[in-house]
Amino acid sequence: MTLNGSLTQVLRIEDDSQIGHARRTAQKLAESQGFDTVDVGRVGLVVTELASNILKHAVHGTIHLRVLPGPSEGVEVLAVDRGPGFDPARCLPDGFSTRGTQGIGLGAALRQAQVFDVHTDARGSVVLARFYPRNSAIEDLRYGVSQHSLHDDPVCGDLWAVCIRDEKCVALVIDGLGHGPAAEQAARAGASAFLRHPTDEPASLLDDMHHAMRGTRGGAVAVAHYDGEHRQLRFNGIGNIGALLVGGERPRGLPSHPGIVGLQYRRVASVAYPDCGGQLLILYSDGLQSRWNLRDYPGLTFRHPAIIAAVLHRDYCRGKDDVTVLVIALESSHDRT
């Protein structure tokens, strides 16, 4: 099973007129995934409630929409804001409201979505709702990605992919040099080579991608290969893709080596990291600042990886380049719920 997807679609929520637009956009996305009328209605209801809550409690924020590829195709909705935060234990039950409303927003999202999670603190809130067709077998994978192009360009020089086979999980992030169509061309050339044999040794994969990306701008590449049976991660990176393991005694940075894949780099062996089971793997392009620490967000590491990716993008996006944040929970069965 190989996962990759499109850019995260971001809808601004700053006034009442944008709530209807967000609902219609989300429903259209659900229809494109083959959702029936009832399932499309579930998506529309939750997006309406989440967007309304943003205006009521945070004044403004964004709704993030993304197609979920995989064995169960679905739709992901994230409500992201920088409001004052709230107490989920008080706000999730129906009937609670701080603004004199019926208080059914978060309760409706919890009931209608197959996957629901929340992180909130003084920096703001992120609410996750994932939807799948009611009659399908649901396999929700414990990963999250936030991918955005510079200035909302329709093309993106960043590219990600995740391949899962048996107890192996292989993650790829490519950042084509610069941004725009030429950067996207470089990234796609590398990804095509990766997808031919994604479970090969990371160093060999980099060689294949290097040959495939010749004649393009080239780019930075990181490949992480997790063996769930032995709880070991092998990593190889060229260029400025950030990589981190979170969940042990302290975070472990996974260093990359200088060079540009497709142009010039020195071949190096993969580095093995033992005892990684239960940890988080975070890969990110240089559109994200590197000076952050999840320990500054109490409880965040226990939230769904999609929440973590959205929080990092919200608080640390440079705004000067394409940006990709990929977060995967490393577990022996890759934890399908």
Protein backbone atom coordinates (compact mmCIF):
# COMPACT_ATOMS: atom_id res chain seq x y z
CA MET A 1 0.00 0.00 0.00
CA THR A 2 1.44 3.34 -1.07
CA LEU A 3 0.08 6.68 0.11
CA ASN A 4 0.60 10.10 -1.39
CA GLY A 5 -1.76 12.96 -1.82
CA SER A 6 -2.57 16.43 -3.01
CA LEU A 7 -1.93 19.77 -1.37
CA THR A 8 -3.79 20.68 1.78
CA GLN A 9 -6.69 22.94 0.81
CA VAL A 10 -6.92 25.91 3.17
CA LEU A 11 -10.14 27.92 3.54
CA ARG A 12 -10.07 31.14 5.56
CA ILE A 13 -12.85 31.64 8.09
CA GLU A 14 -13.12 35.33 8.90
CA ASP A 15 -16.81 36.14 8.43
CA ASP A 16 -20.18 34.37 8.20
CA SER A 17 -20.21 34.31 4.40
CA GLN A 18 -17.22 31.95 4.36
CA ILE A 19 -18.98 29.24 6.38
CA GLY A 20 -21.23 28.26 3.48
CA HIS A 21 -18.30 28.24 1.07
CA ALA A 22 -16.36 25.94 3.38
CA ARG A 23 -19.34 23.57 3.68
CA ARG A 24 -19.88 23.40 -0.09
CA THR A 25 -16.18 22.88 -0.79
CA ALA A 26 -15.96 20.03 1.73
CA GLN A 27 -19.11 18.40 0.38
CA LYS A 28 -17.78 18.57 -3.16
CA LEU A 29 -14.56 16.90 -2.00
CA ALA A 30 -16.58 14.14 -0.31
CA GLU A 31 -18.63 13.61 -3.47
CA SER A 32 -15.41 13.23 -5.46
CA GLN A 33 -14.49 10.36 -3.12
CA GLY A 34 -17.74 8.54 -3.82
CA PHE A 35 -19.56 9.47 -0.60
CA ASP A 36 -23.33 9.02 -0.79
CA THR A 37 -25.84 11.73 0.13
CA VAL A 38 -25.91 10.84 3.82
CA ASP A 39 -22.13 10.77 4.14
CA VAL A 40 -21.78 14.04 2.22
CA GLY A 41 -24.30 15.52 4.67
CA ARG A 42 -22.20 14.36 7.65
CA VAL A 43 -19.17 16.16 6.26
CA GLY A 44 -21.13 19.32 5.56
CA LEU A 45 -22.67 19.39 9.04
CA VAL A 46 -19.33 19.08 10.83
CA VAL A 47 -17.57 21.65 8.63
CA THR A 48 -20.41 24.10 9.29
CA GLU A 49 -20.16 23.57 13.05
CA LEU A 50 -16.37 23.80 13.16
CA ALA A 51 -16.28 26.94 11.02
CA SER A 52 -19.02 28.52 13.14
CA ASN A 53 -17.07 27.73 16.31
CA ILE A 54 -13.99 29.43 14.88
CA LEU A 55 -15.92 32.66 14.38
CA LYS A 56 -17.65 32.47 17.75
CA HIS A 57 -14.64 31.66 19.89
CA ALA A 58 -11.47 32.56 17.98
CA VAL A 59 -12.74 35.36 15.66
CA HIS A 60 -10.84 33.92 12.68
CA GLY A 61 -9.00 30.78 11.63
CA THR A 62 -8.85 28.23 8.82
CA ILE A 63 -10.45 24.98 7.71
CA HIS A 64 -7.98 22.50 6.18
CA LEU A 65 -9.31 19.86 3.77
CA ARG A 66 -7.49 16.87 2.35
CA VAL A 67 -8.31 13.62 0.58
CA LEU A 68 -7.21 10.55 2.55
CA PRO A 69 -5.70 7.96 0.19
CA GLY A 70 -5.29 4.38 1.25
CA PRO A 71 -7.31 1.20 1.78
CA SER A 72 -10.22 3.34 2.98
CA GLU A 73 -10.50 6.53 0.95
CA GLY A 74 -11.82 9.38 3.02
CA VAL A 75 -11.84 13.08 3.74
CA GLU A 76 -9.90 14.88 6.46
CA VAL A 77 -11.11 18.13 8.02
CA LEU A 78 -9.02 20.23 10.41
CA ALA A 79 -10.21 23.41 12.11
CA VAL A 80 -7.17 25.53 13.01
CA ASP A 81 -7.16 28.76 15.00
CA ARG A 82 -5.12 30.93 17.35
CA GLY A 83 -7.90 31.58 19.81
CA PRO A 84 -7.78 31.37 23.61
CA GLY A 85 -8.32 27.61 23.74
CA PHE A 86 -11.01 25.69 25.61
CA ASP A 87 -11.56 22.76 27.96
CA PRO A 88 -12.50 19.72 25.80
CA ALA A 89 -13.97 17.85 28.78
CA ARG A 90 -16.52 20.66 29.23
CA CYS A 91 -17.11 21.54 25.58
CA LEU A 92 -17.58 18.09 24.00
CA PRO A 93 -20.85 17.12 25.75
CA ASP A 94 -23.94 18.53 24.06
CA GLY A 95 -25.53 21.48 25.79
CA PHE A 96 -22.36 23.29 26.87
CA SER A 97 -21.79 26.74 25.38
CA THR A 98 -19.83 29.80 26.35
CA ARG A 99 -21.79 32.01 23.93
CA GLY A 100 -25.42 31.20 24.67
CA THR A 101 -25.85 28.84 21.69
CA GLN A 102 -27.21 25.28 21.72
CA GLY A 103 -23.72 23.90 22.30
CA ILE A 104 -23.90 21.06 19.75
CA GLY A 105 -20.84 21.89 17.57
CA LEU A 106 -18.09 19.68 18.99
CA GLY A 107 -20.59 17.07 20.11
CA ALA A 108 -21.85 16.80 16.53
CA ALA A 109 -18.32 16.44 15.18
CA LEU A 110 -17.55 13.71 17.72
CA ARG A 111 -20.65 11.72 16.72
CA GLN A 112 -20.44 12.16 12.94
CA ALA A 113 -16.71 11.61 12.28
CA GLN A 114 -15.14 8.15 12.46
CA VAL A 115 -11.90 9.70 13.76
CA PHE A 116 -12.00 12.74 16.05
CA ASP A 117 -9.30 14.41 18.11
CA VAL A 118 -8.53 17.81 19.66
CA HIS A 119 -5.52 19.74 20.88
CA THR A 120 -6.04 23.09 22.55
CA ASP A 121 -3.91 25.43 24.64
CA ALA A 122 -3.20 29.15 25.01
CA ARG A 123 -1.69 29.24 21.49
CA GLY A 124 -4.93 28.12 19.88
CA SER A 125 -6.84 24.98 18.94
CA VAL A 126 -6.77 22.28 16.28
CA VAL A 127 -9.77 19.97 15.84
CA LEU A 128 -9.49 16.87 13.62
CA ALA A 129 -12.37 15.02 11.98
CA ARG A 130 -11.80 12.19 9.50
CA PHE A 131 -14.68 10.76 7.48
CA TYR A 132 -15.08 7.49 5.61
CA PRO A 133 -18.14 6.03 3.87
CA ARG A 134 -20.36 4.38 6.49
CA ASN A 135 -20.53 1.03 4.72
CA SER A 136 -16.81 0.67 4.05
CA ALA A 137 -14.22 -1.22 6.09
CA ILE A 138 -12.33 1.55 7.87
CA GLU A 139 -8.57 1.46 8.23
CA ASP A 140 -7.42 4.78 9.62
CA LEU A 141 -3.64 4.95 9.53
CA ARG A 142 -1.77 6.82 12.27
CA TYR A 143 -0.10 9.39 10.09
CA GLY A 144 -0.68 13.04 9.31
CA VAL A 145 0.58 15.43 6.67
CA SER A 146 0.29 19.16 6.15
CA GLN A 147 1.49 20.26 2.70
CA HIS A 148 1.21 23.80 1.35
CA SER A 149 2.67 25.57 -1.66
CA LEU A 150 4.12 29.07 -1.52
CA HIS A 151 1.42 31.71 -2.12
CA ASP A 152 -1.13 28.90 -2.74
CA ASP A 153 0.49 28.09 -6.08
CA PRO A 154 -1.34 25.17 -7.77
CA VAL A 155 2.00 23.34 -8.13
CA CYS A 156 4.31 22.40 -5.29
CA GLY A 157 8.01 21.56 -5.27
CA ASP A 158 7.57 19.37 -2.19
CA LEU A 159 6.42 15.78 -2.45
CA TRP A 160 5.77 13.02 0.10
CA ALA A 161 4.95 9.33 -0.01
CA VAL A 162 4.48 6.53 2.50
CA CYS A 163 4.69 2.82 1.60
CA ILE A 164 3.42 0.14 3.99
CA ARG A 165 4.16 -3.53 3.36
CA ASP A 166 3.66 -6.10 6.08
CA GLU A 167 5.63 -4.82 9.09
CA LYS A 168 7.61 -2.25 7.07
CA CYS A 169 6.80 1.43 6.70
CA VAL A 170 8.89 3.62 4.39
CA ALA A 171 8.50 7.42 4.31
CA LEU A 172 9.78 9.81 1.66
CA VAL A 173 9.96 13.60 1.54
CA ILE A 174 11.45 15.44 -1.45
CA ASP A 175 11.98 19.20 -1.69
CA GLY A 176 12.68 20.19 -5.30
CA LEU A 177 15.15 23.07 -5.49
CA GLY A 178 13.28 26.38 -5.35
CA HIS A 179 9.54 26.28 -6.01
CA GLY A 180 7.12 26.27 -8.92
CA PRO A 181 6.85 23.93 -11.94
CA ALA A 182 10.59 23.19 -12.26
CA ALA A 183 10.83 22.22 -8.59
CA GLU A 184 7.74 20.02 -8.94
CA GLN A 185 9.24 18.33 -12.00
CA ALA A 186 12.37 17.45 -10.03
CA ALA A 187 10.38 16.08 -7.10
CA ARG A 188 8.14 13.97 -9.32
CA ALA A 189 11.14 12.45 -11.10
CA GLY A 190 12.59 11.37 -7.77
CA ALA A 191 9.27 10.05 -6.49
CA SER A 192 8.75 7.93 -9.61
CA ALA A 193 12.07 6.20 -8.99
CA PHE A 194 11.24 5.70 -5.29
CA LEU A 195 7.85 4.14 -6.03
CA ARG A 196 9.36 1.43 -8.26
CA HIS A 197 11.07 -0.28 -5.29
CA PRO A 198 10.11 1.65 -2.14
CA THR A 199 11.24 -0.96 0.38
CA ASP A 200 14.83 -1.13 -0.91
CA GLU A 201 17.69 0.03 1.31
CA PRO A 202 17.48 3.87 1.67
CA ALA A 203 21.01 4.38 0.30
CA SER A 204 20.11 2.40 -2.84
CA LEU A 205 16.87 4.33 -3.22
CA LEU A 206 18.81 7.59 -3.11
CA ASP A 207 21.05 6.33 -5.91
CA ASP A 208 18.00 5.50 -8.03
CA MET A 209 16.45 8.88 -7.36
CA HIS A 210 19.74 10.64 -8.12
CA HIS A 211 19.82 9.09 -11.60
CA ALA A 212 16.12 9.84 -12.18
CA MET A 213 16.50 13.48 -11.15
CA ARG A 214 19.45 14.23 -13.45
CA GLY A 215 18.52 16.92 -15.93
CA THR A 216 16.21 18.57 -13.41
CA ARG A 217 16.94 21.15 -10.73
CA GLY A 218 17.49 18.36 -8.25
CA GLY A 219 16.48 18.61 -4.65
CA ALA A 220 16.75 17.54 -1.04
CA VAL A 221 15.59 14.00 -0.22
CA ALA A 222 14.99 12.04 2.98
CA VAL A 223 14.08 8.34 3.20
CA ALA A 224 13.15 6.65 6.48
CA HIS A 225 12.64 2.85 6.55
CA TYR A 226 10.97 1.44 9.66
CA ASP A 227 11.01 -2.31 10.36
CA GLY A 228 8.20 -2.95 12.84
CA GLU A 229 9.27 -6.52 13.51
CA HIS A 230 12.66 -5.39 14.82
CA ARG A 231 11.50 -1.89 15.93
CA GLN A 232 14.39 -0.35 14.02
CA LEU A 233 14.52 2.71 11.76
CA ARG A 234 17.08 3.22 9.00
CA PHE A 235 17.48 6.76 7.71
CA ASN A 236 19.32 8.47 4.89
CA GLY A 237 18.98 12.13 3.93
CA ILE A 238 20.64 14.49 1.47
CA GLY A 239 20.04 18.22 1.79
CA ASN A 240 17.88 20.19 4.16
CA ILE A 241 14.99 17.87 5.01
CA GLY A 242 14.51 17.95 8.79
CA ALA A 243 13.98 14.62 10.56
CA LEU A 244 13.24 13.85 14.19
CA LEU A 245 12.30 10.90 16.39
CA VAL A 246 10.11 11.86 19.34
CA GLY A 247 9.04 9.66 22.22
CA GLY A 248 12.17 8.36 23.87
CA GLU A 249 14.02 9.95 26.77
CA ARG A 250 14.67 12.95 24.55
CA PRO A 251 14.06 13.81 20.88
CA ARG A 252 16.62 12.43 18.44
CA GLY A 253 17.55 14.46 15.38
CA LEU A 254 18.28 12.40 12.28
CA PRO A 255 21.07 14.24 10.45
CA SER A 256 21.19 14.55 6.68
CA HIS A 257 24.30 15.04 4.55
CA PRO A 258 25.26 17.91 2.23
CA GLY A 259 24.44 17.71 -1.44
CA ILE A 260 21.68 17.95 -4.04
CA VAL A 261 20.12 14.75 -5.32
CA GLY A 262 20.17 14.85 -9.12
CA LEU A 263 23.22 17.10 -9.22
CA GLN A 264 25.95 16.05 -6.79
CA TYR A 265 26.24 14.30 -3.46
CA ARG A 266 28.52 11.78 -1.75
CA ARG A 267 27.02 8.34 -1.22
CA VAL A 268 26.79 7.43 2.46
CA ALA A 269 25.41 4.40 4.26
CA SER A 270 22.07 4.55 6.05
CA VAL A 271 22.13 5.10 9.81
CA ALA A 272 20.20 2.63 11.99
CA TYR A 273 18.23 3.74 15.04
CA PRO A 274 17.11 0.88 17.34
CA ASP A 275 14.14 0.70 19.72
CA CYS A 276 11.93 3.15 17.81
CA GLY A 277 8.62 1.38 18.39
CA GLY A 278 5.95 3.67 19.78
CA GLN A 279 7.82 6.82 18.79
CA LEU A 280 6.87 9.56 16.33
CA LEU A 281 8.79 10.10 13.11
CA ILE A 282 8.59 13.71 11.89
CA LEU A 283 9.95 14.72 8.48
CA TYR A 284 9.68 18.30 7.22
CA SER A 285 10.96 20.46 4.39
CA ASP A 286 12.80 23.71 4.99
CA GLY A 287 9.60 25.71 4.57
CA LEU A 288 9.19 24.90 8.27
CA GLN A 289 11.42 26.47 10.92
CA SER A 290 13.68 23.99 12.68
CA ARG A 291 13.70 25.54 16.16
CA TRP A 292 10.70 23.95 17.83
CA ASN A 293 10.19 21.41 20.57
CA LEU A 294 7.04 19.36 21.11
CA ARG A 295 7.74 19.45 24.84
CA ASP A 296 6.57 23.07 24.70
CA TYR A 297 3.09 21.65 23.93
CA PRO A 298 2.02 19.48 26.88
CA GLY A 299 0.03 16.49 25.71
CA LEU A 300 0.54 17.11 21.99
CA THR A 301 2.64 13.97 21.40
CA PHE A 302 -0.37 11.88 22.49
CA ARG A 303 -2.65 13.42 19.89
CA HIS A 304 -3.31 12.10 16.39
CA PRO A 305 -0.33 12.70 14.03
CA ALA A 306 -2.56 14.86 11.81
CA ILE A 307 -3.05 17.24 14.76
CA ILE A 308 0.71 17.41 15.34
CA ALA A 309 1.42 18.22 11.68
CA ALA A 310 -1.21 21.00 11.69
CA VAL A 311 0.09 22.56 14.92
CA LEU A 312 3.68 22.63 13.62
CA HIS A 313 2.58 24.20 10.35
CA ARG A 314 0.44 26.79 12.14
CA ASP A 315 3.20 27.93 14.50
CA TYR A 316 6.42 27.45 12.51
CA CYS A 317 5.73 27.94 8.79
CA ARG A 318 8.30 30.36 7.36
CA GLY A 319 5.95 31.63 4.67
CA LYS A 320 8.85 31.84 2.19
CA ASP A 321 8.74 28.44 0.50
CA ASP A 322 6.64 25.35 -0.05
CA VAL A 323 6.24 23.43 3.20
CA THR A 324 5.56 19.79 4.05
CA VAL A 325 5.22 18.25 7.51
CA LEU A 326 4.83 14.46 7.69
CA VAL A 327 4.21 12.77 11.06
CA ILE A 328 4.00 8.97 11.46
CA ALA A 329 3.41 6.89 14.58
CA LEU A 330 5.93 4.05 14.41
CA GLU A 331 4.27 0.89 15.64
CA SER A 332 4.59 -2.77 14.84
CA SER A 333 1.25 -2.89 13.05
CA HIS A 334 1.23 0.82 12.12
CA ASP A 335 -1.87 1.05 14.33
CA ARG A 336 -4.90 0.91 12.07
CA THR A 337 -8.11 1.87 13.86
